[in-house]
Amino acid sequence: MNRKIHRKKADPADRIYYFLVAFLSAAAFLIVAYPLYFIIIASFSDSTLVNQGQVLFLPKGISFYGYQQIFENEQIWNGYKNTILYTAAGTALNLAVTLPAAYVLSRKQFRLRKPVMFLFVFTMYFSGGMIPTYMLVKDLHLLDTPWILILMGAVNVYNLIITRTFFENSIPDELYEAACLDGCSHFRYFRSIVIPLSKAVIAVITLYYLVGHWNDFFNPLLYINTDSYQPLQIILRNILLSNQAMAGVTGGGASGYAQQYADQIKFGVIIVSTLPVLCIYPFIQKYFEKGVMIGAVKG
């Protein structure tokens, strides 16, 4: 006997709901994406036309002088090298400290987990301040060394809470009991079972730490004086300030000419500093979405 399966027609209210969701999602995407698109086309467009509002959707007066000035500067490549080193080493240290700490604090057998967690959370709201921190860094002989940008902030409490919550809510206790019956230690259980099952939250905190190190601006500005140790953000800032200063002191028609290319360099600097992170994000997006949702179910 053949049975015909009739697809249920959506109610008018459901259609209106889906339409509104699609419309709001598209509007939100345009609101977020257009500024980035505008910066891209403005970075190689005539700055005079940009300032006059004539560059909206397509570039005009195309010129790559700004990018040429940026990449001809040898300090840019040194800054890229330093930033990649600080980001890779710092993120690896963050994961090496955050994941074991979150696992220990997620175990109910650890009797001191609440007092220890309170000490971590306390630091989110109260700290010694900039001057005592600077004095501590100086006394530890980390001032003006690359190590300060790697060791500073080895644990982010917010990321620690996310990871601990993930371990508590997503890793069943029965797994540990079964592993114990087979003679598995905490170290073996953490390495062989917990880590493989936690790819989502690991991707989330990796992205958080990676972006934090990549965009770190204040710490190198405060603790690093040697030019060869400067990360990309500080070097791009110096290039931007030097070009703006040059545009400001140049007189006559040359001032407008210099300001035009100073604006191009300004937009180019934004693209150069954000492009690597934008290229990495799509590859871990699926883990990022899953990890955020699972790690934020309960506090």
Protein backbone atom coordinates (compact mmCIF):
# COMPACT_ATOMS: atom_id res chain seq x y z
CA MET A 1 0.00 0.00 0.00
CA ASN A 2 1.50 3.22 -1.11
CA ARG A 3 1.41 6.05 1.33
CA LYS A 4 1.78 9.61 0.25
CA ILE A 5 3.65 11.83 2.58
CA HIS A 6 2.32 15.33 2.42
CA ARG A 7 4.67 18.06 3.46
CA LYS A 8 3.09 20.25 6.05
CA LYS A 9 2.63 23.75 4.80
CA ALA A 10 4.17 26.43 6.93
CA ASP A 11 1.78 28.74 8.68
CA PRO A 12 1.76 32.41 7.64
CA ALA A 13 3.11 33.30 11.07
CA ASP A 14 6.02 30.90 10.58
CA ARG A 15 6.78 32.40 7.18
CA ILE A 16 6.82 35.88 8.64
CA TYR A 17 9.11 34.66 11.43
CA TYR A 18 11.56 33.03 9.01
CA PHE A 19 11.53 36.13 6.83
CA LEU A 20 12.28 38.40 9.79
CA VAL A 21 15.08 36.11 10.99
CA ALA A 22 16.65 36.04 7.50
CA PHE A 23 16.26 39.81 7.14
CA LEU A 24 17.79 40.58 10.53
CA SER A 25 20.63 38.12 9.93
CA ALA A 26 21.43 39.70 6.56
CA ALA A 27 21.25 43.20 8.07
CA ALA A 28 23.57 42.19 10.92
CA PHE A 29 26.01 40.67 8.43
CA LEU A 30 26.06 43.85 6.33
CA ILE A 31 26.54 46.03 9.40
CA VAL A 32 29.56 43.96 10.42
CA ALA A 33 31.03 43.25 6.97
CA TYR A 34 30.69 46.62 5.25
CA PRO A 35 33.14 48.55 7.50
CA LEU A 36 35.79 45.92 6.80
CA TYR A 37 35.03 46.01 3.08
CA PHE A 38 35.19 49.80 3.11
CA ILE A 39 38.60 49.76 4.79
CA ILE A 40 39.86 47.33 2.14
CA ILE A 41 38.77 49.47 -0.83
CA ALA A 42 39.81 52.71 0.91
CA SER A 43 43.31 51.35 1.48
CA PHE A 44 44.07 51.53 -2.27
CA SER A 45 41.70 54.33 -3.30
CA ASP A 46 42.35 58.05 -3.67
CA SER A 47 42.06 59.43 -0.14
CA THR A 48 40.61 62.69 -1.44
CA LEU A 49 37.70 60.80 -2.99
CA VAL A 50 37.34 58.75 0.19
CA ASN A 51 37.12 61.87 2.34
CA GLN A 52 34.59 63.38 -0.06
CA GLY A 53 32.36 60.31 0.31
CA GLN A 54 32.69 59.22 -3.30
CA VAL A 55 34.09 55.79 -2.43
CA LEU A 56 31.23 53.64 -1.17
CA PHE A 57 31.16 50.30 -2.99
CA LEU A 58 33.95 50.37 -5.58
CA PRO A 59 37.52 51.71 -5.33
CA LYS A 60 38.38 54.89 -7.22
CA GLY A 61 41.77 56.35 -8.09
CA ILE A 62 43.50 53.05 -7.37
CA SER A 63 47.00 53.36 -5.94
CA PHE A 64 49.03 50.86 -3.92
CA TYR A 65 51.50 53.44 -2.64
CA GLY A 66 50.35 52.93 0.95
CA TYR A 67 51.03 49.18 0.86
CA GLN A 68 54.31 49.82 -0.89
CA GLN A 69 55.44 52.13 1.90
CA ILE A 70 54.36 49.65 4.54
CA PHE A 71 56.07 46.58 3.08
CA GLU A 72 59.26 48.40 2.06
CA ASN A 73 59.86 49.07 5.72
CA GLU A 74 62.16 46.34 7.05
CA GLN A 75 60.77 46.80 10.54
CA ILE A 76 57.44 45.40 9.31
CA TRP A 77 58.96 41.98 8.65
CA ASN A 78 60.82 42.05 11.96
CA GLY A 79 57.55 42.95 13.66
CA TYR A 80 55.76 40.08 11.94
CA LYS A 81 58.48 37.68 13.07
CA ASN A 82 58.29 38.90 16.66
CA THR A 83 54.50 38.86 16.77
CA ILE A 84 54.31 35.33 15.35
CA LEU A 85 56.89 34.19 17.91
CA TYR A 86 55.10 35.86 20.82
CA THR A 87 51.70 34.60 19.66
CA ALA A 88 52.81 30.99 19.10
CA ALA A 89 54.86 30.69 22.29
CA GLY A 90 52.39 32.64 24.41
CA THR A 91 49.37 30.66 23.21
CA ALA A 92 51.20 27.36 23.78
CA LEU A 93 52.02 28.44 27.34
CA ASN A 94 48.43 29.57 27.92
CA LEU A 95 47.07 26.18 26.85
CA ALA A 96 49.71 24.29 28.84
CA VAL A 97 48.64 26.12 32.00
CA THR A 98 44.91 26.67 31.47
CA LEU A 99 43.89 23.13 30.46
CA PRO A 100 45.47 21.25 33.42
CA ALA A 101 44.30 23.94 35.86
CA ALA A 102 40.74 23.75 34.51
CA TYR A 103 40.78 19.96 34.74
CA VAL A 104 41.95 19.98 38.36
CA LEU A 105 39.35 22.60 39.34
CA SER A 106 36.62 20.56 37.63
CA ARG A 107 37.30 17.45 39.75
CA LYS A 108 34.95 17.15 42.71
CA GLN A 109 37.57 15.07 44.52
CA PHE A 110 39.78 18.16 44.81
CA ARG A 111 38.69 19.56 48.17
CA LEU A 112 40.34 22.96 47.77
CA ARG A 113 38.86 23.69 44.38
CA LYS A 114 36.40 26.32 45.69
CA PRO A 115 38.99 28.37 47.64
CA VAL A 116 41.44 28.14 44.74
CA MET A 117 38.75 29.15 42.25
CA PHE A 118 37.85 32.09 44.49
CA LEU A 119 41.46 33.28 44.34
CA PHE A 120 41.38 33.13 40.54
CA VAL A 121 38.07 34.99 40.32
CA PHE A 122 39.27 37.58 42.83
CA THR A 123 41.99 38.65 40.39
CA MET A 124 39.35 39.47 37.76
CA TYR A 125 38.09 42.37 39.89
CA PHE A 126 41.10 43.41 41.97
CA SER A 127 44.74 43.79 40.98
CA GLY A 128 47.83 45.60 42.16
CA GLY A 129 47.69 48.15 39.36
CA MET A 130 50.05 49.26 36.64
CA ILE A 131 52.87 50.67 38.79
CA PRO A 132 53.22 47.68 41.16
CA THR A 133 53.07 45.35 38.16
CA TYR A 134 55.81 47.34 36.43
CA MET A 135 57.97 47.20 39.56
CA LEU A 136 57.42 43.44 39.82
CA VAL A 137 58.41 42.94 36.18
CA LYS A 138 61.52 45.03 36.76
CA ASP A 139 62.50 43.08 39.90
CA LEU A 140 62.08 39.81 38.00
CA HIS A 141 64.50 41.13 35.34
CA LEU A 142 61.89 40.67 32.62
CA LEU A 143 61.82 44.32 31.61
CA ASP A 144 62.75 44.87 27.95
CA THR A 145 62.95 41.14 27.21
CA PRO A 146 60.78 39.04 24.88
CA TRP A 147 59.84 36.79 27.80
CA ILE A 148 57.54 39.38 29.32
CA LEU A 149 55.21 39.22 26.29
CA ILE A 150 55.11 35.42 26.51
CA LEU A 151 54.76 35.00 30.28
CA MET A 152 52.45 37.94 30.99
CA GLY A 153 48.91 36.68 31.48
CA ALA A 154 49.74 32.98 31.32
CA VAL A 155 46.22 32.26 32.64
CA ASN A 156 43.12 34.19 31.66
CA VAL A 157 40.49 33.59 34.35
CA TYR A 158 37.59 33.96 31.91
CA ASN A 159 39.04 31.25 29.66
CA LEU A 160 39.75 29.12 32.73
CA ILE A 161 36.09 29.33 33.78
CA ILE A 162 34.91 28.39 30.28
CA THR A 163 37.22 25.37 30.17
CA ARG A 164 36.39 24.21 33.69
CA THR A 165 32.65 24.46 32.96
CA PHE A 166 33.13 22.44 29.78
CA PHE A 167 34.97 19.69 31.66
CA GLU A 168 32.30 19.57 34.37
CA ASN A 169 29.27 19.47 32.06
CA SER A 170 30.54 17.65 28.96
CA ILE A 171 32.87 14.95 30.27
CA PRO A 172 30.80 12.30 32.13
CA ASP A 173 32.10 11.13 35.49
CA GLU A 174 31.43 7.57 34.36
CA LEU A 175 34.35 7.85 31.95
CA TYR A 176 36.74 8.51 34.81
CA GLU A 177 35.28 5.66 36.84
CA ALA A 178 35.71 3.26 33.93
CA ALA A 179 39.26 4.52 33.35
CA CYS A 180 40.10 4.02 37.04
CA LEU A 181 38.92 0.43 36.85
CA ASP A 182 41.45 -0.10 34.07
CA GLY A 183 44.21 1.40 36.20
CA CYS A 184 44.29 4.79 34.47
CA SER A 185 45.89 7.66 36.40
CA HIS A 186 44.73 11.27 36.33
CA PHE A 187 47.58 12.18 33.99
CA ARG A 188 46.75 9.37 31.56
CA TYR A 189 43.02 10.11 31.77
CA PHE A 190 43.59 13.80 31.09
CA ARG A 191 45.95 13.14 28.18
CA SER A 192 44.16 10.22 26.51
CA ILE A 193 40.47 10.90 27.19
CA VAL A 194 39.78 14.48 28.27
CA ILE A 195 41.93 16.27 25.68
CA PRO A 196 40.60 14.32 22.63
CA LEU A 197 37.01 14.97 23.76
CA SER A 198 37.63 18.70 24.30
CA LYS A 199 38.60 19.86 20.82
CA ALA A 200 35.74 22.36 20.73
CA VAL A 201 36.64 24.25 23.88
CA ILE A 202 40.36 24.01 23.09
CA ALA A 203 39.68 25.70 19.75
CA VAL A 204 37.72 28.44 21.53
CA ILE A 205 40.33 29.35 24.10
CA THR A 206 43.10 28.97 21.51
CA LEU A 207 41.40 31.60 19.38
CA TYR A 208 40.88 33.85 22.41
CA TYR A 209 44.51 33.60 23.47
CA LEU A 210 45.82 33.89 19.91
CA VAL A 211 43.87 37.06 19.16
CA GLY A 212 44.85 38.49 22.54
CA HIS A 213 48.57 38.00 21.87
CA TRP A 214 48.30 39.18 18.26
CA ASN A 215 46.54 42.42 19.21
CA ASP A 216 48.58 43.01 22.36
CA PHE A 217 49.56 46.67 22.27
CA PHE A 218 49.81 48.05 25.79
CA ASN A 219 52.23 45.50 27.26
CA PRO A 220 54.96 45.97 24.62
CA LEU A 221 54.41 49.73 24.76
CA LEU A 222 54.98 49.65 28.51
CA TYR A 223 57.66 46.98 28.94
CA ILE A 224 59.63 46.86 25.66
CA ASN A 225 62.11 49.59 24.68
CA THR A 226 64.42 47.78 22.25
CA ASP A 227 63.31 48.20 18.64
CA SER A 228 64.35 44.69 17.64
CA TYR A 229 61.90 43.23 20.18
CA GLN A 230 58.91 45.34 19.15
CA PRO A 231 55.85 43.42 17.87
CA LEU A 232 53.91 44.32 14.75
CA GLN A 233 51.31 46.48 16.50
CA ILE A 234 53.89 48.90 17.88
CA ILE A 235 55.77 49.12 14.58
CA LEU A 236 52.57 49.85 12.65
CA ARG A 237 51.71 52.52 15.21
CA ASN A 238 55.12 54.15 14.74
CA ILE A 239 54.72 54.11 10.94
CA LEU A 240 51.28 55.64 11.21
CA LEU A 241 52.42 58.38 13.58
CA SER A 242 55.48 59.21 11.49
CA ASN A 243 53.40 59.56 8.32
CA GLN A 244 50.80 61.71 10.05
CA ALA A 245 53.54 63.90 11.47
CA MET A 246 55.12 64.24 8.04
CA ALA A 247 51.78 65.21 6.57
CA GLY A 248 51.25 67.78 9.31
CA VAL A 249 54.59 69.58 8.95
CA THR A 250 54.66 69.65 5.14
CA GLY A 251 53.44 72.97 3.85
CA GLY A 252 51.37 74.07 0.85
CA GLY A 253 50.01 71.63 -1.69
CA ALA A 254 52.52 69.05 -0.57
CA SER A 255 50.64 68.81 2.72
CA GLY A 256 47.49 67.52 0.98
CA TYR A 257 49.62 65.13 -1.09
CA ALA A 258 51.30 63.76 2.05
CA GLN A 259 47.99 63.57 3.90
CA GLN A 260 46.50 61.60 1.02
CA TYR A 261 49.11 58.88 1.32
CA ALA A 262 49.07 59.07 5.12
CA ASP A 263 45.39 58.10 4.96
CA GLN A 264 46.20 55.24 2.58
CA ILE A 265 48.85 54.01 4.98
CA LYS A 266 46.38 54.26 7.85
CA PHE A 267 43.88 51.98 6.14
CA GLY A 268 46.65 49.67 4.91
CA VAL A 269 47.96 49.31 8.45
CA ILE A 270 44.54 48.07 9.59
CA ILE A 271 44.44 45.44 6.85
CA VAL A 272 48.01 44.26 7.45
CA SER A 273 47.42 43.81 11.18
CA THR A 274 44.07 41.98 10.93
CA LEU A 275 44.47 39.84 7.80
CA PRO A 276 46.33 36.89 9.41
CA VAL A 277 43.68 36.44 12.11
CA LEU A 278 40.89 36.70 9.53
CA CYS A 279 42.57 33.93 7.52
CA ILE A 280 42.82 31.61 10.53
CA TYR A 281 39.30 32.07 11.90
CA PRO A 282 37.33 30.19 9.16
CA PHE A 283 39.28 26.99 9.83
CA ILE A 284 38.25 26.83 13.51
CA GLN A 285 34.82 28.44 13.24
CA LYS A 286 32.88 25.19 13.65
CA TYR A 287 34.80 24.32 16.83
CA PHE A 288 34.46 27.90 18.03
CA GLU A 289 30.65 27.92 17.83
CA LYS A 290 30.28 24.51 19.45
CA GLY A 291 32.76 25.25 22.23
CA VAL A 292 31.18 28.57 23.19
CA MET A 293 27.69 27.08 23.45
CA ILE A 294 28.74 24.00 25.42
CA GLY A 295 31.11 25.82 27.75
CA ALA A 296 28.52 28.46 28.65
CA VAL A 297 25.58 26.24 29.62
CA LYS A 298 26.14 26.55 33.36
CA GLY A 299 28.24 28.78 35.56
